[in-house]
Amino acid sequence: MTAPRPLTCSWSRTGPDRSCLELDGELDYDGSDVVLDEIIRHLDENPRLRELTLDCRRLDFCDSYGLSTLLMIRRRTQSTGVVLRLANRGPALDRLLRVTNTLAHLTDTSVTSLEKQLDT
């Protein structure tokens, strides 16, 4: 068994009104507040932001607290007119979103190719 990796975040600009936050580690009780605080600060400091991507490529794990954090982030971005994208979701995160019926809400899509694969 490998030890859990603490969550780290790194920002990049993908355009004049777009940012990307790469999540690396576990989005759980211990790390979720860090992500939420980072995003709130970034939204406050960048009022012209129109798109925020969370790059989940290196996200190892997401628990219910992490899911709650993603929903809070979604509410915050939606209220400020920022489009939220969850990029490079792994099968475990997609399954969590599908099982909790939050996939469409968090990704603005009702059916993904991964869902089709899981349903067959």
PDB file of N, CA and C in Angstrom:
ATOM      1  N   MET A   1       0.840  -1.177   0.000  1.00  0.00           N
ATOM      2  CA  MET A   1       0.000   0.000   0.000  1.00  0.00           C
ATOM      3  C   MET A   1       0.886   1.243   0.000  1.00  0.00           C
ATOM      4  N   THR A   2       0.578   2.175  -0.885  1.00  0.00           N
ATOM      5  CA  THR A   2       1.354   3.408  -0.942  1.00  0.00           C
ATOM      6  C   THR A   2       0.730   4.462  -0.041  1.00  0.00           C
ATOM      7  N   ALA A   3       1.578   5.305   0.497  1.00  0.00           N
ATOM      8  CA  ALA A   3       1.101   6.380   1.363  1.00  0.00           C
ATOM      9  C   ALA A   3       0.373   7.420   0.527  1.00  0.00           C
ATOM     10  N   PRO A   4      -0.680   8.008   1.099  1.00  0.00           N
ATOM     11  CA  PRO A   4      -1.391   9.051   0.355  1.00  0.00           C
ATOM     12  C   PRO A   4      -0.478  10.241   0.074  1.00  0.00           C
ATOM     13  N   ARG A   5      -0.667  10.836  -1.103  1.00  0.00           N
ATOM     14  CA  ARG A   5       0.094  12.019  -1.450  1.00  0.00           C
ATOM     15  C   ARG A   5      -0.726  13.253  -1.101  1.00  0.00           C
ATOM     16  N   PRO A   6      -0.139  14.171  -0.349  1.00  0.00           N
ATOM     17  CA  PRO A   6      -0.878  15.406  -0.060  1.00  0.00           C
ATOM     18  C   PRO A   6      -1.152  16.158  -1.353  1.00  0.00           C
ATOM     19  N   LEU A   7      -2.242  16.852  -1.374  1.00  0.00           N
ATOM     20  CA  LEU A   7      -2.647  17.581  -2.574  1.00  0.00           C
ATOM     21  C   LEU A   7      -1.797  18.829  -2.764  1.00  0.00           C
ATOM     22  N   THR A   8      -1.315  18.999  -3.978  1.00  0.00           N
ATOM     23  CA  THR A   8      -0.652  20.240  -4.354  1.00  0.00           C
ATOM     24  C   THR A   8      -1.360  20.791  -5.592  1.00  0.00           C
ATOM     25  N   CYS A   9      -1.244  22.087  -5.782  1.00  0.00           N
ATOM     26  CA  CYS A   9      -1.907  22.764  -6.893  1.00  0.00           C
ATOM     27  C   CYS A   9      -0.905  23.655  -7.605  1.00  0.00           C
ATOM     28  N   SER A  10      -1.028  23.725  -8.917  1.00  0.00           N
ATOM     29  CA  SER A  10      -0.187  24.659  -9.669  1.00  0.00           C
ATOM     30  C   SER A  10      -1.024  25.304 -10.774  1.00  0.00           C
ATOM     31  N   TRP A  11      -0.891  26.620 -10.863  1.00  0.00           N
ATOM     32  CA  TRP A  11      -1.647  27.412 -11.824  1.00  0.00           C
ATOM     33  C   TRP A  11      -0.886  27.591 -13.128  1.00  0.00           C
ATOM     34  N   SER A  12      -1.649  27.702 -14.206  1.00  0.00           N
ATOM     35  CA  SER A  12      -1.096  28.133 -15.488  1.00  0.00           C
ATOM     36  C   SER A  12      -2.166  28.934 -16.216  1.00  0.00           C
ATOM     37  N   ARG A  13      -1.724  29.837 -17.063  1.00  0.00           N
ATOM     38  CA  ARG A  13      -2.634  30.627 -17.897  1.00  0.00           C
ATOM     39  C   ARG A  13      -2.735  29.929 -19.237  1.00  0.00           C
ATOM     40  N   THR A  14      -3.959  29.731 -19.702  1.00  0.00           N
ATOM     41  CA  THR A  14      -4.149  29.097 -21.002  1.00  0.00           C
ATOM     42  C   THR A  14      -4.687  30.079 -22.024  1.00  0.00           C
ATOM     43  N   GLY A  15      -4.837  31.317 -21.623  1.00  0.00           N
ATOM     44  CA  GLY A  15      -5.319  32.381 -22.489  1.00  0.00           C
ATOM     45  C   GLY A  15      -5.525  33.624 -21.652  1.00  0.00           C
ATOM     46  N   PRO A  16      -5.884  34.737 -22.280  1.00  0.00           N
ATOM     47  CA  PRO A  16      -6.033  35.982 -21.533  1.00  0.00           C
ATOM     48  C   PRO A  16      -7.152  35.942 -20.495  1.00  0.00           C
ATOM     49  N   ASP A  17      -8.165  35.115 -20.737  1.00  0.00           N
ATOM     50  CA  ASP A  17      -9.280  35.023 -19.794  1.00  0.00           C
ATOM     51  C   ASP A  17      -9.528  33.576 -19.347  1.00  0.00           C
ATOM     52  N   ARG A  18      -8.460  32.757 -19.409  1.00  0.00           N
ATOM     53  CA  ARG A  18      -8.571  31.340 -19.040  1.00  0.00           C
ATOM     54  C   ARG A  18      -7.399  30.936 -18.160  1.00  0.00           C
ATOM     55  N   SER A  19      -7.719  30.143 -17.143  1.00  0.00           N
ATOM     56  CA  SER A  19      -6.689  29.610 -16.244  1.00  0.00           C
ATOM     57  C   SER A  19      -6.907  28.122 -16.051  1.00  0.00           C
ATOM     58  N   CYS A  20      -5.828  27.467 -15.665  1.00  0.00           N
ATOM     59  CA  CYS A  20      -5.876  26.033 -15.390  1.00  0.00           C
ATOM     60  C   CYS A  20      -5.203  25.777 -14.047  1.00  0.00           C
ATOM     61  N   LEU A  21      -5.858  24.989 -13.215  1.00  0.00           N
ATOM     62  CA  LEU A  21      -5.293  24.574 -11.940  1.00  0.00           C
ATOM     63  C   LEU A  21      -5.075  23.068 -11.999  1.00  0.00           C
ATOM     64  N   GLU A  22      -3.808  22.663 -11.945  1.00  0.00           N
ATOM     65  CA  GLU A  22      -3.494  21.238 -11.956  1.00  0.00           C
ATOM     66  C   GLU A  22      -3.542  20.710 -10.534  1.00  0.00           C
ATOM     67  N   LEU A  23      -4.332  19.664 -10.347  1.00  0.00           N
ATOM     68  CA  LEU A  23      -4.457  19.013  -9.045  1.00  0.00           C
ATOM     69  C   LEU A  23      -3.550  17.792  -9.028  1.00  0.00           C
ATOM     70  N   ASP A  24      -2.734  17.679  -8.004  1.00  0.00           N
ATOM     71  CA  ASP A  24      -1.775  16.584  -7.914  1.00  0.00           C
ATOM     72  C   ASP A  24      -1.853  15.992  -6.507  1.00  0.00           C
ATOM     73  N   GLY A  25      -2.347  14.760  -6.410  1.00  0.00           N
ATOM     74  CA  GLY A  25      -2.467  14.104  -5.107  1.00  0.00           C
ATOM     75  C   GLY A  25      -3.892  13.654  -4.857  1.00  0.00           C
ATOM     76  N   GLU A  26      -4.349  13.834  -3.621  1.00  0.00           N
ATOM     77  CA  GLU A  26      -5.670  13.363  -3.221  1.00  0.00           C
ATOM     78  C   GLU A  26      -6.568  14.523  -2.829  1.00  0.00           C
ATOM     79  N   LEU A  27      -7.744  14.571  -3.442  1.00  0.00           N
ATOM     80  CA  LEU A  27      -8.739  15.584  -3.118  1.00  0.00           C
ATOM     81  C   LEU A  27      -9.654  14.987  -2.050  1.00  0.00           C
ATOM     82  N   ASP A  28      -9.271  15.207  -0.802  1.00  0.00           N
ATOM     83  CA  ASP A  28     -10.007  14.637   0.315  1.00  0.00           C
ATOM     84  C   ASP A  28     -10.121  15.679   1.422  1.00  0.00           C
ATOM     85  N   TYR A  29     -10.517  15.246   2.598  1.00  0.00           N
ATOM     86  CA  TYR A  29     -10.712  16.150   3.729  1.00  0.00           C
ATOM     87  C   TYR A  29      -9.470  16.992   3.997  1.00  0.00           C
ATOM     88  N   ASP A  30      -8.317  16.389   3.878  1.00  0.00           N
ATOM     89  CA  ASP A  30      -7.077  17.100   4.195  1.00  0.00           C
ATOM     90  C   ASP A  30      -6.689  18.154   3.156  1.00  0.00           C
ATOM     91  N   GLY A  31      -7.062  17.967   1.897  1.00  0.00           N
ATOM     92  CA  GLY A  31      -6.597  18.872   0.854  1.00  0.00           C
ATOM     93  C   GLY A  31      -7.647  19.740   0.199  1.00  0.00           C
ATOM     94  N   SER A  32      -8.899  19.441   0.435  1.00  0.00           N
ATOM     95  CA  SER A  32      -9.964  20.141  -0.288  1.00  0.00           C
ATOM     96  C   SER A  32     -10.029  21.629   0.013  1.00  0.00           C
ATOM     97  N   ASP A  33      -9.813  21.996   1.260  1.00  0.00           N
ATOM     98  CA  ASP A  33      -9.888  23.411   1.612  1.00  0.00           C
ATOM     99  C   ASP A  33      -8.799  24.220   0.916  1.00  0.00           C
ATOM    100  N   VAL A  34      -7.647  23.599   0.669  1.00  0.00           N
ATOM    101  CA  VAL A  34      -6.559  24.269  -0.040  1.00  0.00           C
ATOM    102  C   VAL A  34      -7.021  24.638  -1.448  1.00  0.00           C
ATOM    103  N   VAL A  35      -7.649  23.693  -2.127  1.00  0.00           N
ATOM    104  CA  VAL A  35      -8.122  23.932  -3.496  1.00  0.00           C
ATOM    105  C   VAL A  35      -9.186  25.017  -3.506  1.00  0.00           C
ATOM    106  N   LEU A  36     -10.154  24.915  -2.624  1.00  0.00           N
ATOM    107  CA  LEU A  36     -11.227  25.900  -2.586  1.00  0.00           C
ATOM    108  C   LEU A  36     -10.677  27.300  -2.310  1.00  0.00           C
ATOM    109  N   ASP A  37      -9.781  27.417  -1.346  1.00  0.00           N
ATOM    110  CA  ASP A  37      -9.177  28.716  -1.035  1.00  0.00           C
ATOM    111  C   ASP A  37      -8.392  29.262  -2.222  1.00  0.00           C
ATOM    112  N   GLU A  38      -7.639  28.403  -2.896  1.00  0.00           N
ATOM    113  CA  GLU A  38      -6.868  28.810  -4.076  1.00  0.00           C
ATOM    114  C   GLU A  38      -7.791  29.366  -5.161  1.00  0.00           C
ATOM    115  N   ILE A  39      -8.888  28.678  -5.400  1.00  0.00           N
ATOM    116  CA  ILE A  39      -9.799  29.080  -6.469  1.00  0.00           C
ATOM    117  C   ILE A  39     -10.525  30.369  -6.111  1.00  0.00           C
ATOM    118  N   ILE A  40     -10.987  30.484  -4.882  1.00  0.00           N
ATOM    119  CA  ILE A  40     -11.654  31.721  -4.461  1.00  0.00           C
ATOM    120  C   ILE A  40     -10.708  32.910  -4.616  1.00  0.00           C
ATOM    121  N   ARG A  41      -9.473  32.750  -4.169  1.00  0.00           N
ATOM    122  CA  ARG A  41      -8.480  33.812  -4.292  1.00  0.00           C
ATOM    123  C   ARG A  41      -8.251  34.160  -5.765  1.00  0.00           C
ATOM    124  N   HIS A  42      -8.111  33.115  -6.593  1.00  0.00           N
ATOM    125  CA  HIS A  42      -7.837  33.334  -8.017  1.00  0.00           C
ATOM    126  C   HIS A  42      -9.013  34.052  -8.696  1.00  0.00           C
ATOM    127  N   LEU A  43     -10.231  33.662  -8.380  1.00  0.00           N
ATOM    128  CA  LEU A  43     -11.403  34.322  -8.962  1.00  0.00           C
ATOM    129  C   LEU A  43     -11.472  35.785  -8.524  1.00  0.00           C
ATOM    130  N   ASP A  44     -11.172  36.044  -7.259  1.00  0.00           N
ATOM    131  CA  ASP A  44     -11.190  37.422  -6.754  1.00  0.00           C
ATOM    132  C   ASP A  44     -10.118  38.280  -7.414  1.00  0.00           C
ATOM    133  N   GLU A  45      -8.949  37.697  -7.666  1.00  0.00           N
ATOM    134  CA  GLU A  45      -7.836  38.443  -8.250  1.00  0.00           C
ATOM    135  C   GLU A  45      -7.914  38.567  -9.768  1.00  0.00           C
ATOM    136  N   ASN A  46      -8.797  37.792 -10.393  1.00  0.00           N
ATOM    137  CA  ASN A  46      -8.915  37.779 -11.858  1.00  0.00           C
ATOM    138  C   ASN A  46     -10.373  37.952 -12.285  1.00  0.00           C
ATOM    139  N   PRO A  47     -10.916  39.154 -12.113  1.00  0.00           N
ATOM    140  CA  PRO A  47     -12.346  39.360 -12.397  1.00  0.00           C
ATOM    141  C   PRO A  47     -12.723  39.184 -13.867  1.00  0.00           C
ATOM    142  N   ARG A  48     -11.742  39.196 -14.757  1.00  0.00           N
ATOM    143  CA  ARG A  48     -12.041  39.010 -16.186  1.00  0.00           C
ATOM    144  C   ARG A  48     -11.953  37.554 -16.623  1.00  0.00           C
ATOM    145  N   LEU A  49     -11.693  36.674 -15.690  1.00  0.00           N
ATOM    146  CA  LEU A  49     -11.597  35.248 -16.003  1.00  0.00           C
ATOM    147  C   LEU A  49     -12.939  34.744 -16.525  1.00  0.00           C
ATOM    148  N   ARG A  50     -12.913  33.969 -17.589  1.00  0.00           N
ATOM    149  CA  ARG A  50     -14.140  33.414 -18.165  1.00  0.00           C
ATOM    150  C   ARG A  50     -14.158  31.886 -18.180  1.00  0.00           C
ATOM    151  N   GLU A  51     -12.984  31.267 -18.041  1.00  0.00           N
ATOM    152  CA  GLU A  51     -12.931  29.805 -18.056  1.00  0.00           C
ATOM    153  C   GLU A  51     -11.867  29.325 -17.078  1.00  0.00           C
ATOM    154  N   LEU A  52     -12.261  28.362 -16.252  1.00  0.00           N
ATOM    155  CA  LEU A  52     -11.346  27.751 -15.294  1.00  0.00           C
ATOM    156  C   LEU A  52     -11.350  26.247 -15.518  1.00  0.00           C
ATOM    157  N   THR A  53     -10.176  25.714 -15.786  1.00  0.00           N
ATOM    158  CA  THR A  53     -10.032  24.272 -15.980  1.00  0.00           C
ATOM    159  C   THR A  53      -9.324  23.677 -14.776  1.00  0.00           C
ATOM    160  N   LEU A  54      -9.893  22.612 -14.241  1.00  0.00           N
ATOM    161  CA  LEU A  54      -9.211  21.816 -13.229  1.00  0.00           C
ATOM    162  C   LEU A  54      -8.650  20.601 -13.939  1.00  0.00           C
ATOM    163  N   ASP A  55      -7.334  20.523 -13.998  1.00  0.00           N
ATOM    164  CA  ASP A  55      -6.669  19.395 -14.654  1.00  0.00           C
ATOM    165  C   ASP A  55      -6.525  18.279 -13.632  1.00  0.00           C
ATOM    166  N   CYS A  56      -7.256  17.195 -13.847  1.00  0.00           N
ATOM    167  CA  CYS A  56      -7.320  16.080 -12.898  1.00  0.00           C
ATOM    168  C   CYS A  56      -6.401  14.922 -13.279  1.00  0.00           C
ATOM    169  N   ARG A  57      -5.523  15.139 -14.221  1.00  0.00           N
ATOM    170  CA  ARG A  57      -4.629  14.084 -14.726  1.00  0.00           C
ATOM    171  C   ARG A  57      -3.853  13.403 -13.596  1.00  0.00           C
ATOM    172  N   ARG A  58      -3.411  14.167 -12.611  1.00  0.00           N
ATOM    173  CA  ARG A  58      -2.588  13.615 -11.531  1.00  0.00           C
ATOM    174  C   ARG A  58      -3.361  13.480 -10.220  1.00  0.00           C
ATOM    175  N   LEU A  59      -4.686  13.551 -10.324  1.00  0.00           N
ATOM    176  CA  LEU A  59      -5.525  13.382  -9.144  1.00  0.00           C
ATOM    177  C   LEU A  59      -5.650  11.889  -8.849  1.00  0.00           C
ATOM    178  N   ASP A  60      -5.131  11.472  -7.697  1.00  0.00           N
ATOM    179  CA  ASP A  60      -5.116  10.051  -7.346  1.00  0.00           C
ATOM    180  C   ASP A  60      -6.434   9.569  -6.759  1.00  0.00           C
ATOM    181  N   PHE A  61      -7.143  10.456  -6.071  1.00  0.00           N
ATOM    182  CA  PHE A  61      -8.290  10.028  -5.284  1.00  0.00           C
ATOM    183  C   PHE A  61      -9.178  11.227  -5.007  1.00  0.00           C
ATOM    184  N   CYS A  62     -10.475  10.995  -4.948  1.00  0.00           N
ATOM    185  CA  CYS A  62     -11.430  12.031  -4.564  1.00  0.00           C
ATOM    186  C   CYS A  62     -12.493  11.372  -3.704  1.00  0.00           C
ATOM    187  N   ASP A  63     -12.651  11.864  -2.463  1.00  0.00           N
ATOM    188  CA  ASP A  63     -13.677  11.297  -1.587  1.00  0.00           C
ATOM    189  C   ASP A  63     -14.904  12.209  -1.571  1.00  0.00           C
ATOM    190  N   SER A  64     -15.851  11.936  -0.691  1.00  0.00           N
ATOM    191  CA  SER A  64     -17.084  12.715  -0.655  1.00  0.00           C
ATOM    192  C   SER A  64     -16.824  14.173  -0.283  1.00  0.00           C
ATOM    193  N   TYR A  65     -15.831  14.422   0.547  1.00  0.00           N
ATOM    194  CA  TYR A  65     -15.491  15.801   0.893  1.00  0.00           C
ATOM    195  C   TYR A  65     -14.912  16.514  -0.332  1.00  0.00           C
ATOM    196  N   GLY A  66     -14.111  15.801  -1.093  1.00  0.00           N
ATOM    197  CA  GLY A  66     -13.580  16.358  -2.336  1.00  0.00           C
ATOM    198  C   GLY A  66     -14.695  16.653  -3.325  1.00  0.00           C
ATOM    199  N   LEU A  67     -15.671  15.752  -3.421  1.00  0.00           N
ATOM    200  CA  LEU A  67     -16.816  15.971  -4.300  1.00  0.00           C
ATOM    201  C   LEU A  67     -17.595  17.204  -3.852  1.00  0.00           C
ATOM    202  N   SER A  68     -17.790  17.337  -2.563  1.00  0.00           N
ATOM    203  CA  SER A  68     -18.465  18.515  -2.027  1.00  0.00           C
ATOM    204  C   SER A  68     -17.708  19.787  -2.406  1.00  0.00           C
ATOM    205  N   THR A  69     -16.402  19.728  -2.356  1.00  0.00           N
ATOM    206  CA  THR A  69     -15.569  20.866  -2.735  1.00  0.00           C
ATOM    207  C   THR A  69     -15.742  21.191  -4.214  1.00  0.00           C
ATOM    208  N   LEU A  70     -15.765  20.179  -5.066  1.00  0.00           N
ATOM    209  CA  LEU A  70     -15.986  20.413  -6.496  1.00  0.00           C
ATOM    210  C   LEU A  70     -17.335  21.092  -6.734  1.00  0.00           C
ATOM    211  N   LEU A  71     -18.345  20.682  -5.980  1.00  0.00           N
ATOM    212  CA  LEU A  71     -19.671  21.303  -6.124  1.00  0.00           C
ATOM    213  C   LEU A  71     -19.652  22.754  -5.640  1.00  0.00           C
ATOM    214  N   MET A  72     -18.915  23.036  -4.568  1.00  0.00           N
ATOM    215  CA  MET A  72     -18.780  24.418  -4.098  1.00  0.00           C
ATOM    216  C   MET A  72     -18.044  25.266  -5.135  1.00  0.00           C
ATOM    217  N   ILE A  73     -17.023  24.689  -5.743  1.00  0.00           N
ATOM    218  CA  ILE A  73     -16.284  25.395  -6.791  1.00  0.00           C
ATOM    219  C   ILE A  73     -17.213  25.696  -7.964  1.00  0.00           C
ATOM    220  N   ARG A  74     -18.014  24.733  -8.332  1.00  0.00           N
ATOM    221  CA  ARG A  74     -18.982  24.902  -9.432  1.00  0.00           C
ATOM    222  C   ARG A  74     -19.943  26.040  -9.136  1.00  0.00           C
ATOM    223  N   ARG A  75     -20.466  26.077  -7.910  1.00  0.00           N
ATOM    224  CA  ARG A  75     -21.379  27.157  -7.525  1.00  0.00           C
ATOM    225  C   ARG A  75     -20.688  28.518  -7.615  1.00  0.00           C
ATOM    226  N   ARG A  76     -19.451  28.571  -7.127  1.00  0.00           N
ATOM    227  CA  ARG A  76     -18.705  29.828  -7.114  1.00  0.00           C
ATOM    228  C   ARG A  76     -18.414  30.294  -8.537  1.00  0.00           C
ATOM    229  N   THR A  77     -17.949  29.390  -9.398  1.00  0.00           N
ATOM    230  CA  THR A  77     -17.633  29.796 -10.767  1.00  0.00           C
ATOM    231  C   THR A  77     -18.902  30.196 -11.515  1.00  0.00           C
ATOM    232  N   GLN A  78     -19.962  29.459 -11.309  1.00  0.00           N
ATOM    233  CA  GLN A  78     -21.222  29.767 -11.989  1.00  0.00           C
ATOM    234  C   GLN A  78     -21.737  31.145 -11.572  1.00  0.00           C
ATOM    235  N   SER A  79     -21.623  31.468 -10.293  1.00  0.00           N
ATOM    236  CA  SER A  79     -22.120  32.763  -9.817  1.00  0.00           C
ATOM    237  C   SER A  79     -21.293  33.936 -10.332  1.00  0.00           C
ATOM    238  N   THR A  80     -20.059  33.673 -10.761  1.00  0.00           N
ATOM    239  CA  THR A  80     -19.213  34.742 -11.295  1.00  0.00           C
ATOM    240  C   THR A  80     -19.136  34.713 -12.818  1.00  0.00           C
ATOM    241  N   GLY A  81     -19.902  33.830 -13.449  1.00  0.00           N
ATOM    242  CA  GLY A  81     -19.923  33.764 -14.905  1.00  0.00           C
ATOM    243  C   GLY A  81     -18.731  33.061 -15.519  1.00  0.00           C
ATOM    244  N   VAL A  82     -18.052  32.233 -14.731  1.00  0.00           N
ATOM    245  CA  VAL A  82     -16.875  31.507 -15.206  1.00  0.00           C
ATOM    246  C   VAL A  82     -17.279  30.069 -15.527  1.00  0.00           C
ATOM    247  N   VAL A  83     -16.876  29.597 -16.680  1.00  0.00           N
ATOM    248  CA  VAL A  83     -17.138  28.214 -17.077  1.00  0.00           C
ATOM    249  C   VAL A  83     -16.110  27.318 -16.391  1.00  0.00           C
ATOM    250  N   LEU A  84     -16.580  26.277 -15.730  1.00  0.00           N
ATOM    251  CA  LEU A  84     -15.699  25.315 -15.067  1.00  0.00           C
ATOM    252  C   LEU A  84     -15.585  24.067 -15.927  1.00  0.00           C
ATOM    253  N   ARG A  85     -14.354  23.621 -16.117  1.00  0.00           N
ATOM    254  CA  ARG A  85     -14.103  22.384 -16.863  1.00  0.00           C
ATOM    255  C   ARG A  85     -13.252  21.456 -16.005  1.00  0.00           C
ATOM    256  N   LEU A  86     -13.633  20.200 -15.980  1.00  0.00           N
ATOM    257  CA  LEU A  86     -12.836  19.170 -15.310  1.00  0.00           C
ATOM    258  C   LEU A  86     -12.167  18.363 -16.411  1.00  0.00           C
ATOM    259  N   ALA A  87     -10.896  18.605 -16.613  1.00  0.00           N
ATOM    260  CA  ALA A  87     -10.169  17.972 -17.714  1.00  0.00           C
ATOM    261  C   ALA A  87      -9.389  16.761 -17.225  1.00  0.00           C
ATOM    262  N   ASN A  88      -9.196  15.824 -18.122  1.00  0.00           N
ATOM    263  CA  ASN A  88      -8.371  14.643 -17.866  1.00  0.00           C
ATOM    264  C   ASN A  88      -8.833  13.856 -16.640  1.00  0.00           C
ATOM    265  N   ARG A  89     -10.144  13.670 -16.550  1.00  0.00           N
ATOM    266  CA  ARG A  89     -10.694  12.887 -15.440  1.00  0.00           C
ATOM    267  C   ARG A  89     -10.352  11.418 -15.647  1.00  0.00           C
ATOM    268  N   GLY A  90      -9.939  10.787 -14.581  1.00  0.00           N
ATOM    269  CA  GLY A  90      -9.667   9.361 -14.632  1.00  0.00           C
ATOM    270  C   GLY A  90     -10.941   8.559 -14.416  1.00  0.00           C
ATOM    271  N   PRO A  91     -10.866   7.257 -14.611  1.00  0.00           N
ATOM    272  CA  PRO A  91     -12.048   6.401 -14.453  1.00  0.00           C
ATOM    273  C   PRO A  91     -12.652   6.461 -13.048  1.00  0.00           C
ATOM    274  N   ALA A  92     -11.835   6.559 -12.011  1.00  0.00           N
ATOM    275  CA  ALA A  92     -12.367   6.581 -10.643  1.00  0.00           C
ATOM    276  C   ALA A  92     -13.167   7.860 -10.395  1.00  0.00           C
ATOM    277  N   LEU A  93     -12.659   9.000 -10.858  1.00  0.00           N
ATOM    278  CA  LEU A  93     -13.392  10.250 -10.674  1.00  0.00           C
ATOM    279  C   LEU A  93     -14.666  10.246 -11.499  1.00  0.00           C
ATOM    280  N   ASP A  94     -14.590   9.784 -12.735  1.00  0.00           N
ATOM    281  CA  ASP A  94     -15.801   9.704 -13.559  1.00  0.00           C
ATOM    282  C   ASP A  94     -16.844   8.799 -12.916  1.00  0.00           C
ATOM    283  N   ARG A  95     -16.399   7.699 -12.358  1.00  0.00           N
ATOM    284  CA  ARG A  95     -17.342   6.778 -11.702  1.00  0.00           C
ATOM    285  C   ARG A  95     -17.989   7.454 -10.501  1.00  0.00           C
ATOM    286  N   LEU A  96     -17.210   8.158  -9.684  1.00  0.00           N
ATOM    287  CA  LEU A  96     -17.760   8.875  -8.535  1.00  0.00           C
ATOM    288  C   LEU A  96     -18.804   9.889  -8.987  1.00  0.00           C
ATOM    289  N   LEU A  97     -18.499  10.627 -10.034  1.00  0.00           N
ATOM    290  CA  LEU A  97     -19.439  11.629 -10.534  1.00  0.00           C
ATOM    291  C   LEU A  97     -20.694  10.987 -11.109  1.00  0.00           C
ATOM    292  N   ARG A  98     -20.522   9.841 -11.756  1.00  0.00           N
ATOM    293  CA  ARG A  98     -21.674   9.148 -12.336  1.00  0.00           C
ATOM    294  C   ARG A  98     -22.565   8.555 -11.257  1.00  0.00           C
ATOM    295  N   VAL A  99     -21.948   7.891 -10.266  1.00  0.00           N
ATOM    296  CA  VAL A  99     -22.703   7.235  -9.192  1.00  0.00           C
ATOM    297  C   VAL A  99     -23.455   8.266  -8.344  1.00  0.00           C
ATOM    298  N   THR A 100     -22.868   9.425  -8.161  1.00  0.00           N
ATOM    299  CA  THR A 100     -23.500  10.467  -7.352  1.00  0.00           C
ATOM    300  C   THR A 100     -24.394  11.389  -8.179  1.00  0.00           C
ATOM    301  N   ASN A 101     -24.528  11.066  -9.445  1.00  0.00           N
ATOM    302  CA  ASN A 101     -25.393  11.821 -10.354  1.00  0.00           C
ATOM    303  C   ASN A 101     -24.972  13.296 -10.453  1.00  0.00           C
ATOM    304  N   THR A 102     -23.667  13.541 -10.401  1.00  0.00           N
ATOM    305  CA  THR A 102     -23.154  14.902 -10.511  1.00  0.00           C
ATOM    306  C   THR A 102     -22.324  15.107 -11.778  1.00  0.00           C
ATOM    307  N   LEU A 103     -22.176  14.089 -12.581  1.00  0.00           N
ATOM    308  CA  LEU A 103     -21.357  14.188 -13.793  1.00  0.00           C
ATOM    309  C   LEU A 103     -21.855  15.295 -14.712  1.00  0.00           C
ATOM    310  N   ALA A 104     -23.130  15.279 -15.034  1.00  0.00           N
ATOM    311  CA  ALA A 104     -23.676  16.284 -15.948  1.00  0.00           C
ATOM    312  C   ALA A 104     -23.579  17.678 -15.338  1.00  0.00           C
ATOM    313  N   HIS A 105     -23.802  17.779 -14.041  1.00  0.00           N
ATOM    314  CA  HIS A 105     -23.753  19.079 -13.378  1.00  0.00           C
ATOM    315  C   HIS A 105     -22.339  19.665 -13.393  1.00  0.00           C
ATOM    316  N   LEU A 106     -21.346  18.824 -13.167  1.00  0.00           N
ATOM    317  CA  LEU A 106     -19.972  19.305 -13.089  1.00  0.00           C
ATOM    318  C   LEU A 106     -19.268  19.377 -14.442  1.00  0.00           C
ATOM    319  N   THR A 107     -19.786  18.673 -15.437  1.00  0.00           N
ATOM    320  CA  THR A 107     -19.103  18.641 -16.730  1.00  0.00           C
ATOM    321  C   THR A 107     -19.944  19.196 -17.873  1.00  0.00           C
ATOM    322  N   ASP A 108     -21.165  19.597 -17.595  1.00  0.00           N
ATOM    323  CA  ASP A 108     -22.065  20.118 -18.619  1.00  0.00           C
ATOM    324  C   ASP A 108     -22.262  19.144 -19.774  1.00  0.00           C
ATOM    325  N   THR A 109     -22.251  17.890 -19.445  1.00  0.00           N
ATOM    326  CA  THR A 109     -22.511  16.870 -20.461  1.00  0.00           C
ATOM    327  C   THR A 109     -23.302  15.754 -19.806  1.00  0.00           C
ATOM    328  N   SER A 110     -24.226  15.182 -20.511  1.00  0.00           N
ATOM    329  CA  SER A 110     -25.044  14.137 -19.910  1.00  0.00           C
ATOM    330  C   SER A 110     -24.487  12.742 -20.142  1.00  0.00           C
ATOM    331  N   VAL A 111     -23.790  12.557 -21.247  1.00  0.00           N
ATOM    332  CA  VAL A 111     -23.230  11.242 -21.534  1.00  0.00           C
ATOM    333  C   VAL A 111     -21.813  11.417 -22.087  1.00  0.00           C
ATOM    334  N   THR A 112     -20.864  10.717 -21.490  1.00  0.00           N
ATOM    335  CA  THR A 112     -19.496  10.742 -22.008  1.00  0.00           C
ATOM    336  C   THR A 112     -19.171   9.393 -22.601  1.00  0.00           C
ATOM    337  N   SER A 113     -18.099   9.346 -23.345  1.00  0.00           N
ATOM    338  CA  SER A 113     -17.703   8.069 -23.932  1.00  0.00           C
ATOM    339  C   SER A 113     -17.349   7.072 -22.831  1.00  0.00           C
ATOM    340  N   LEU A 114     -16.801   7.554 -21.725  1.00  0.00           N
ATOM    341  CA  LEU A 114     -16.473   6.654 -20.629  1.00  0.00           C
ATOM    342  C   LEU A 114     -17.740   6.056 -20.032  1.00  0.00           C
ATOM    343  N   GLU A 115     -18.803   6.849 -19.904  1.00  0.00           N
ATOM    344  CA  GLU A 115     -20.062   6.314 -19.388  1.00  0.00           C
ATOM    345  C   GLU A 115     -20.586   5.208 -20.314  1.00  0.00           C
ATOM    346  N   LYS A 116     -20.486   5.440 -21.598  1.00  0.00           N
ATOM    347  CA  LYS A 116     -20.944   4.424 -22.544  1.00  0.00           C
ATOM    348  C   LYS A 116     -20.148   3.141 -22.351  1.00  0.00           C
ATOM    349  N   GLN A 117     -18.843   3.265 -22.128  1.00  0.00           N
ATOM    350  CA  GLN A 117     -18.017   2.086 -21.915  1.00  0.00           C
ATOM    351  C   GLN A 117     -18.406   1.361 -20.629  1.00  0.00           C
ATOM    352  N   LEU A 118     -18.689   2.108 -19.578  1.00  0.00           N
ATOM    353  CA  LEU A 118     -19.021   1.492 -18.292  1.00  0.00           C
ATOM    354  C   LEU A 118     -20.390   0.818 -18.324  1.00  0.00           C
ATOM    355  N   ASP A 119     -21.289   1.319 -19.153  1.00  0.00           N
ATOM    356  CA  ASP A 119     -22.635   0.764 -19.216  1.00  0.00           C
ATOM    357  C   ASP A 119     -22.734  -0.471 -20.091  1.00  0.00           C
ATOM    358  N   THR A 120     -21.689  -0.784 -20.846  1.00  0.00           N
ATOM    359  CA  THR A 120     -21.769  -1.956 -21.729  1.00  0.00           C
ATOM    360  C   THR A 120     -21.158  -3.168 -21.069  1.00  0.00           C
TER     361      THR A 120
END
